[in-house]
Amino acid sequence: MKSIIQFSITKEPEGYYVASGIGHPIVTQADSLDELQSNISEAVQLYLKDEDLAELGLSSHPSLLMSIEIPQIKYA
């Protein structure tokens, strides 16, 4: 059994990044993408800590697929 937890990543106007799990209630933030990746791993571990992985359809070592939303640039 293997599943992918996908994240939507946005950069806020204040300069920090926010990652929201798609299909799972996992949210974290960081000042850089490197820090965000670490925070996502930690958030996933905490989310799965007391969960029945089989019930969630996840293996004990789920893959993380991070997506970043890039806003369209508007030219005058």
PDB file of N, CA and C in Angstrom:
ATOM      1  N   MET A   1       0.846  -1.175   0.000  1.00  0.00           N
ATOM      2  CA  MET A   1       0.000   0.000   0.000  1.00  0.00           C
ATOM      3  C   MET A   1       0.894   1.242   0.000  1.00  0.00           C
ATOM      4  N   LYS A   2       0.606   2.150  -0.917  1.00  0.00           N
ATOM      5  CA  LYS A   2       1.370   3.384  -0.978  1.00  0.00           C
ATOM      6  C   LYS A   2       0.429   4.497  -1.389  1.00  0.00           C
ATOM      7  N   SER A   3       0.602   5.638  -0.803  1.00  0.00           N
ATOM      8  CA  SER A   3      -0.227   6.786  -1.137  1.00  0.00           C
ATOM      9  C   SER A   3       0.643   8.029  -1.126  1.00  0.00           C
ATOM     10  N   ILE A   4       0.168   9.065  -1.778  1.00  0.00           N
ATOM     11  CA  ILE A   4       0.896  10.330  -1.826  1.00  0.00           C
ATOM     12  C   ILE A   4       0.071  11.397  -1.131  1.00  0.00           C
ATOM     13  N   ILE A   5       0.698  12.123  -0.227  1.00  0.00           N
ATOM     14  CA  ILE A   5       0.066  13.283   0.391  1.00  0.00           C
ATOM     15  C   ILE A   5       0.570  14.490  -0.380  1.00  0.00           C
ATOM     16  N   GLN A   6      -0.345  15.165  -1.041  1.00  0.00           N
ATOM     17  CA  GLN A   6       0.023  16.300  -1.881  1.00  0.00           C
ATOM     18  C   GLN A   6      -0.256  17.594  -1.128  1.00  0.00           C
ATOM     19  N   PHE A   7       0.607  18.598  -1.342  1.00  0.00           N
ATOM     20  CA  PHE A   7       0.469  19.895  -0.682  1.00  0.00           C
ATOM     21  C   PHE A   7       0.361  21.007  -1.707  1.00  0.00           C
ATOM     22  N   SER A   8      -0.472  21.962  -1.393  1.00  0.00           N
ATOM     23  CA  SER A   8      -0.530  23.202  -2.157  1.00  0.00           C
ATOM     24  C   SER A   8       0.327  24.205  -1.401  1.00  0.00           C
ATOM     25  N   ILE A   9       1.281  24.817  -2.087  1.00  0.00           N
ATOM     26  CA  ILE A   9       2.203  25.751  -1.442  1.00  0.00           C
ATOM     27  C   ILE A   9       2.007  27.134  -2.044  1.00  0.00           C
ATOM     28  N   THR A  10       1.784  28.108  -1.182  1.00  0.00           N
ATOM     29  CA  THR A  10       1.622  29.492  -1.632  1.00  0.00           C
ATOM     30  C   THR A  10       2.586  30.389  -0.873  1.00  0.00           C
ATOM     31  N   LYS A  11       2.965  31.475  -1.512  1.00  0.00           N
ATOM     32  CA  LYS A  11       3.795  32.474  -0.843  1.00  0.00           C
ATOM     33  C   LYS A  11       2.882  33.640  -0.485  1.00  0.00           C
ATOM     34  N   GLU A  12       2.832  33.945   0.787  1.00  0.00           N
ATOM     35  CA  GLU A  12       1.966  35.009   1.279  1.00  0.00           C
ATOM     36  C   GLU A  12       2.595  36.374   1.022  1.00  0.00           C
ATOM     37  N   PRO A  13       1.774  37.427   0.942  1.00  0.00           N
ATOM     38  CA  PRO A  13       2.300  38.777   0.723  1.00  0.00           C
ATOM     39  C   PRO A  13       3.327  39.202   1.780  1.00  0.00           C
ATOM     40  N   GLU A  14       3.217  38.641   2.976  1.00  0.00           N
ATOM     41  CA  GLU A  14       4.148  38.972   4.056  1.00  0.00           C
ATOM     42  C   GLU A  14       5.509  38.314   3.862  1.00  0.00           C
ATOM     43  N   GLY A  15       5.631  37.411   2.864  1.00  0.00           N
ATOM     44  CA  GLY A  15       6.917  36.817   2.539  1.00  0.00           C
ATOM     45  C   GLY A  15       7.114  35.380   2.977  1.00  0.00           C
ATOM     46  N   TYR A  16       6.220  34.820   3.772  1.00  0.00           N
ATOM     47  CA  TYR A  16       6.397  33.436   4.211  1.00  0.00           C
ATOM     48  C   TYR A  16       5.587  32.489   3.323  1.00  0.00           C
ATOM     49  N   TYR A  17       5.954  31.205   3.363  1.00  0.00           N
ATOM     50  CA  TYR A  17       5.297  30.170   2.572  1.00  0.00           C
ATOM     51  C   TYR A  17       4.333  29.389   3.459  1.00  0.00           C
ATOM     52  N   VAL A  18       3.204  28.985   2.875  1.00  0.00           N
ATOM     53  CA  VAL A  18       2.215  28.170   3.576  1.00  0.00           C
ATOM     54  C   VAL A  18       1.972  26.911   2.753  1.00  0.00           C
ATOM     55  N   ALA A  19       2.007  25.756   3.410  1.00  0.00           N
ATOM     56  CA  ALA A  19       1.721  24.478   2.765  1.00  0.00           C
ATOM     57  C   ALA A  19       0.453  23.900   3.380  1.00  0.00           C
ATOM     58  N   SER A  20      -0.508  23.554   2.525  1.00  0.00           N
ATOM     59  CA  SER A  20      -1.772  22.967   2.972  1.00  0.00           C
ATOM     60  C   SER A  20      -1.922  21.599   2.331  1.00  0.00           C
ATOM     61  N   GLY A  21      -2.153  20.591   3.169  1.00  0.00           N
ATOM     62  CA  GLY A  21      -2.342  19.241   2.656  1.00  0.00           C
ATOM     63  C   GLY A  21      -3.633  19.143   1.862  1.00  0.00           C
ATOM     64  N   ILE A  22      -3.577  18.495   0.717  1.00  0.00           N
ATOM     65  CA  ILE A  22      -4.769  18.296  -0.103  1.00  0.00           C
ATOM     66  C   ILE A  22      -5.378  16.954   0.283  1.00  0.00           C
ATOM     67  N   GLY A  23      -6.571  17.009   0.844  1.00  0.00           N
ATOM     68  CA  GLY A  23      -7.240  15.787   1.284  1.00  0.00           C
ATOM     69  C   GLY A  23      -6.890  15.364   2.698  1.00  0.00           C
ATOM     70  N   HIS A  24      -6.008  16.098   3.343  1.00  0.00           N
ATOM     71  CA  HIS A  24      -5.619  15.814   4.724  1.00  0.00           C
ATOM     72  C   HIS A  24      -5.517  17.142   5.470  1.00  0.00           C
ATOM     73  N   PRO A  25      -5.974  17.194   6.709  1.00  0.00           N
ATOM     74  CA  PRO A  25      -5.935  18.465   7.469  1.00  0.00           C
ATOM     75  C   PRO A  25      -4.548  18.768   8.030  1.00  0.00           C
ATOM     76  N   ILE A  26      -3.616  19.071   7.140  1.00  0.00           N
ATOM     77  CA  ILE A  26      -2.238  19.363   7.531  1.00  0.00           C
ATOM     78  C   ILE A  26      -1.872  20.731   6.963  1.00  0.00           C
ATOM     79  N   VAL A  27      -1.455  21.644   7.832  1.00  0.00           N
ATOM     80  CA  VAL A  27      -1.049  22.985   7.404  1.00  0.00           C
ATOM     81  C   VAL A  27       0.201  23.374   8.179  1.00  0.00           C
ATOM     82  N   THR A  28       1.162  23.985   7.477  1.00  0.00           N
ATOM     83  CA  THR A  28       2.367  24.483   8.128  1.00  0.00           C
ATOM     84  C   THR A  28       2.885  25.673   7.335  1.00  0.00           C
ATOM     85  N   GLN A  29       3.817  26.392   7.924  1.00  0.00           N
ATOM     86  CA  GLN A  29       4.385  27.563   7.245  1.00  0.00           C
ATOM     87  C   GLN A  29       5.858  27.698   7.581  1.00  0.00           C
ATOM     88  N   ALA A  30       6.571  28.508   6.766  1.00  0.00           N
ATOM     89  CA  ALA A  30       8.006  28.729   6.975  1.00  0.00           C
ATOM     90  C   ALA A  30       8.450  29.951   6.183  1.00  0.00           C
ATOM     91  N   ASP A  31       9.644  30.427   6.521  1.00  0.00           N
ATOM     92  CA  ASP A  31      10.213  31.590   5.840  1.00  0.00           C
ATOM     93  C   ASP A  31      10.892  31.232   4.518  1.00  0.00           C
ATOM     94  N   SER A  32      11.286  29.958   4.343  1.00  0.00           N
ATOM     95  CA  SER A  32      11.952  29.533   3.111  1.00  0.00           C
ATOM     96  C   SER A  32      11.387  28.184   2.674  1.00  0.00           C
ATOM     97  N   LEU A  33      11.616  27.829   1.407  1.00  0.00           N
ATOM     98  CA  LEU A  33      11.140  26.540   0.909  1.00  0.00           C
ATOM     99  C   LEU A  33      11.876  25.376   1.563  1.00  0.00           C
ATOM    100  N   ASP A  34      13.169  25.546   1.853  1.00  0.00           N
ATOM    101  CA  ASP A  34      13.920  24.489   2.540  1.00  0.00           C
ATOM    102  C   ASP A  34      13.334  24.226   3.921  1.00  0.00           C
ATOM    103  N   GLU A  35      13.053  25.300   4.650  1.00  0.00           N
ATOM    104  CA  GLU A  35      12.458  25.165   5.980  1.00  0.00           C
ATOM    105  C   GLU A  35      11.050  24.581   5.871  1.00  0.00           C
ATOM    106  N   LEU A  36      10.323  24.965   4.828  1.00  0.00           N
ATOM    107  CA  LEU A  36       8.965  24.457   4.640  1.00  0.00           C
ATOM    108  C   LEU A  36       8.968  22.951   4.431  1.00  0.00           C
ATOM    109  N   GLN A  37       9.914  22.443   3.655  1.00  0.00           N
ATOM    110  CA  GLN A  37      10.002  21.004   3.427  1.00  0.00           C
ATOM    111  C   GLN A  37      10.192  20.260   4.746  1.00  0.00           C
ATOM    112  N   SER A  38      11.059  20.767   5.590  1.00  0.00           N
ATOM    113  CA  SER A  38      11.281  20.164   6.902  1.00  0.00           C
ATOM    114  C   SER A  38      10.014  20.244   7.752  1.00  0.00           C
ATOM    115  N   ASN A  39       9.347  21.399   7.712  1.00  0.00           N
ATOM    116  CA  ASN A  39       8.121  21.577   8.494  1.00  0.00           C
ATOM    117  C   ASN A  39       7.003  20.660   8.007  1.00  0.00           C
ATOM    118  N   ILE A  40       6.937  20.436   6.692  1.00  0.00           N
ATOM    119  CA  ILE A  40       5.927  19.523   6.151  1.00  0.00           C
ATOM    120  C   ILE A  40       6.170  18.111   6.677  1.00  0.00           C
ATOM    121  N   SER A  41       7.411  17.658   6.643  1.00  0.00           N
ATOM    122  CA  SER A  41       7.733  16.321   7.156  1.00  0.00           C
ATOM    123  C   SER A  41       7.342  16.188   8.619  1.00  0.00           C
ATOM    124  N   GLU A  42       7.657  17.208   9.405  1.00  0.00           N
ATOM    125  CA  GLU A  42       7.309  17.180  10.827  1.00  0.00           C
ATOM    126  C   GLU A  42       5.796  17.185  11.019  1.00  0.00           C
ATOM    127  N   ALA A  43       5.089  18.001  10.253  1.00  0.00           N
ATOM    128  CA  ALA A  43       3.632  18.080  10.376  1.00  0.00           C
ATOM    129  C   ALA A  43       2.971  16.756   9.994  1.00  0.00           C
ATOM    130  N   VAL A  44       3.488  16.100   8.958  1.00  0.00           N
ATOM    131  CA  VAL A  44       2.943  14.807   8.543  1.00  0.00           C
ATOM    132  C   VAL A  44       3.181  13.764   9.632  1.00  0.00           C
ATOM    133  N   GLN A  45       4.373  13.749  10.207  1.00  0.00           N
ATOM    134  CA  GLN A  45       4.661  12.805  11.290  1.00  0.00           C
ATOM    135  C   GLN A  45       3.715  13.016  12.467  1.00  0.00           C
ATOM    136  N   LEU A  46       3.476  14.269  12.825  1.00  0.00           N
ATOM    137  CA  LEU A  46       2.559  14.557  13.929  1.00  0.00           C
ATOM    138  C   LEU A  46       1.132  14.153  13.581  1.00  0.00           C
ATOM    139  N   TYR A  47       0.727  14.394  12.350  1.00  0.00           N
ATOM    140  CA  TYR A  47      -0.618  14.040  11.900  1.00  0.00           C
ATOM    141  C   TYR A  47      -0.834  12.528  11.951  1.00  0.00           C
ATOM    142  N   LEU A  48       0.171  11.771  11.565  1.00  0.00           N
ATOM    143  CA  LEU A  48       0.044  10.317  11.498  1.00  0.00           C
ATOM    144  C   LEU A  48       0.369   9.617  12.810  1.00  0.00           C
ATOM    145  N   LYS A  49       0.875  10.341  13.783  1.00  0.00           N
ATOM    146  CA  LYS A  49       1.373   9.751  15.027  1.00  0.00           C
ATOM    147  C   LYS A  49       0.389   8.778  15.674  1.00  0.00           C
ATOM    148  N   ASP A  50      -0.842   9.185  15.857  1.00  0.00           N
ATOM    149  CA  ASP A  50      -1.822   8.343  16.553  1.00  0.00           C
ATOM    150  C   ASP A  50      -2.898   7.799  15.623  1.00  0.00           C
ATOM    151  N   GLU A  51      -2.647   7.832  14.336  1.00  0.00           N
ATOM    152  CA  GLU A  51      -3.639   7.396  13.356  1.00  0.00           C
ATOM    153  C   GLU A  51      -3.412   5.949  12.939  1.00  0.00           C
ATOM    154  N   ASP A  52      -4.489   5.312  12.510  1.00  0.00           N
ATOM    155  CA  ASP A  52      -4.419   3.984  11.915  1.00  0.00           C
ATOM    156  C   ASP A  52      -4.103   4.185  10.437  1.00  0.00           C
ATOM    157  N   LEU A  53      -2.864   3.928  10.056  1.00  0.00           N
ATOM    158  CA  LEU A  53      -2.423   4.198   8.691  1.00  0.00           C
ATOM    159  C   LEU A  53      -3.227   3.416   7.657  1.00  0.00           C
ATOM    160  N   ALA A  54      -3.597   2.192   7.974  1.00  0.00           N
ATOM    161  CA  ALA A  54      -4.386   1.387   7.046  1.00  0.00           C
ATOM    162  C   ALA A  54      -5.753   2.026   6.815  1.00  0.00           C
ATOM    163  N   GLU A  55      -6.339   2.564   7.863  1.00  0.00           N
ATOM    164  CA  GLU A  55      -7.643   3.228   7.742  1.00  0.00           C
ATOM    165  C   GLU A  55      -7.562   4.461   6.838  1.00  0.00           C
ATOM    166  N   LEU A  56      -6.427   5.148   6.872  1.00  0.00           N
ATOM    167  CA  LEU A  56      -6.223   6.329   6.033  1.00  0.00           C
ATOM    168  C   LEU A  56      -5.746   5.973   4.625  1.00  0.00           C
ATOM    169  N   GLY A  57      -5.454   4.700   4.389  1.00  0.00           N
ATOM    170  CA  GLY A  57      -4.960   4.281   3.081  1.00  0.00           C
ATOM    171  C   GLY A  57      -3.516   4.664   2.845  1.00  0.00           C
ATOM    172  N   LEU A  58      -2.725   4.754   3.916  1.00  0.00           N
ATOM    173  CA  LEU A  58      -1.331   5.182   3.816  1.00  0.00           C
ATOM    174  C   LEU A  58      -0.388   4.084   4.266  1.00  0.00           C
ATOM    175  N   SER A  59       0.800   4.074   3.690  1.00  0.00           N
ATOM    176  CA  SER A  59       1.841   3.176   4.162  1.00  0.00           C
ATOM    177  C   SER A  59       2.529   3.840   5.348  1.00  0.00           C
ATOM    178  N   SER A  60       3.409   3.124   6.003  1.00  0.00           N
ATOM    179  CA  SER A  60       4.102   3.695   7.164  1.00  0.00           C
ATOM    180  C   SER A  60       5.124   4.747   6.759  1.00  0.00           C
ATOM    181  N   HIS A  61       5.466   4.818   5.470  1.00  0.00           N
ATOM    182  CA  HIS A  61       6.410   5.815   4.960  1.00  0.00           C
ATOM    183  C   HIS A  61       5.808   6.487   3.722  1.00  0.00           C
ATOM    184  N   PRO A  62       4.804   7.351   3.912  1.00  0.00           N
ATOM    185  CA  PRO A  62       4.161   7.965   2.747  1.00  0.00           C
ATOM    186  C   PRO A  62       5.097   8.914   2.008  1.00  0.00           C
ATOM    187  N   SER A  63       4.880   9.022   0.720  1.00  0.00           N
ATOM    188  CA  SER A  63       5.639   9.965  -0.100  1.00  0.00           C
ATOM    189  C   SER A  63       5.026  11.350   0.035  1.00  0.00           C
ATOM    190  N   LEU A  64       5.844  12.370  -0.117  1.00  0.00           N
ATOM    191  CA  LEU A  64       5.357  13.744  -0.116  1.00  0.00           C
ATOM    192  C   LEU A  64       5.591  14.341  -1.497  1.00  0.00           C
ATOM    193  N   LEU A  65       4.535  14.857  -2.100  1.00  0.00           N
ATOM    194  CA  LEU A  65       4.635  15.536  -3.387  1.00  0.00           C
ATOM    195  C   LEU A  65       4.224  16.978  -3.153  1.00  0.00           C
ATOM    196  N   MET A  66       5.172  17.894  -3.247  1.00  0.00           N
ATOM    197  CA  MET A  66       4.876  19.294  -2.974  1.00  0.00           C
ATOM    198  C   MET A  66       4.667  20.039  -4.280  1.00  0.00           C
ATOM    199  N   SER A  67       3.582  20.790  -4.333  1.00  0.00           N
ATOM    200  CA  SER A  67       3.278  21.619  -5.496  1.00  0.00           C
ATOM    201  C   SER A  67       3.332  23.070  -5.064  1.00  0.00           C
ATOM    202  N   ILE A  68       3.808  23.936  -5.939  1.00  0.00           N
ATOM    203  CA  ILE A  68       3.851  25.352  -5.610  1.00  0.00           C
ATOM    204  C   ILE A  68       2.985  26.101  -6.616  1.00  0.00           C
ATOM    205  N   GLU A  69       2.145  26.977  -6.106  1.00  0.00           N
ATOM    206  CA  GLU A  69       1.265  27.781  -6.945  1.00  0.00           C
ATOM    207  C   GLU A  69       1.997  29.065  -7.324  1.00  0.00           C
ATOM    208  N   ILE A  70       2.191  29.274  -8.612  1.00  0.00           N
ATOM    209  CA  ILE A  70       2.896  30.464  -9.086  1.00  0.00           C
ATOM    210  C   ILE A  70       1.865  31.389  -9.717  1.00  0.00           C
ATOM    211  N   PRO A  71       1.674  32.575  -9.135  1.00  0.00           N
ATOM    212  CA  PRO A  71       0.666  33.484  -9.692  1.00  0.00           C
ATOM    213  C   PRO A  71       1.079  33.980 -11.074  1.00  0.00           C
ATOM    214  N   GLN A  72       0.075  34.239 -11.887  1.00  0.00           N
ATOM    215  CA  GLN A  72       0.324  34.745 -13.231  1.00  0.00           C
ATOM    216  C   GLN A  72       0.778  36.196 -13.157  1.00  0.00           C
ATOM    217  N   ILE A  73       1.815  36.529 -13.905  1.00  0.00           N
ATOM    218  CA  ILE A  73       2.340  37.897 -13.920  1.00  0.00           C
ATOM    219  C   ILE A  73       1.519  38.713 -14.913  1.00  0.00           C
ATOM    220  N   LYS A  74       1.040  39.857 -14.449  1.00  0.00           N
ATOM    221  CA  LYS A  74       0.255  40.738 -15.312  1.00  0.00           C
ATOM    222  C   LYS A  74       1.130  41.902 -15.746  1.00  0.00           C
ATOM    223  N   TYR A  75       1.156  42.145 -17.031  1.00  0.00           N
ATOM    224  CA  TYR A  75       1.938  43.248 -17.571  1.00  0.00           C
ATOM    225  C   TYR A  75       1.005  44.405 -17.911  1.00  0.00           C
ATOM    226  N   ALA A  76       1.474  45.625 -17.672  1.00  0.00           N
ATOM    227  CA  ALA A  76       0.659  46.813 -17.953  1.00  0.00           C
ATOM    228  C   ALA A  76       0.628  47.108 -19.428  1.00  0.00           C
TER     229      ALA A  76
END
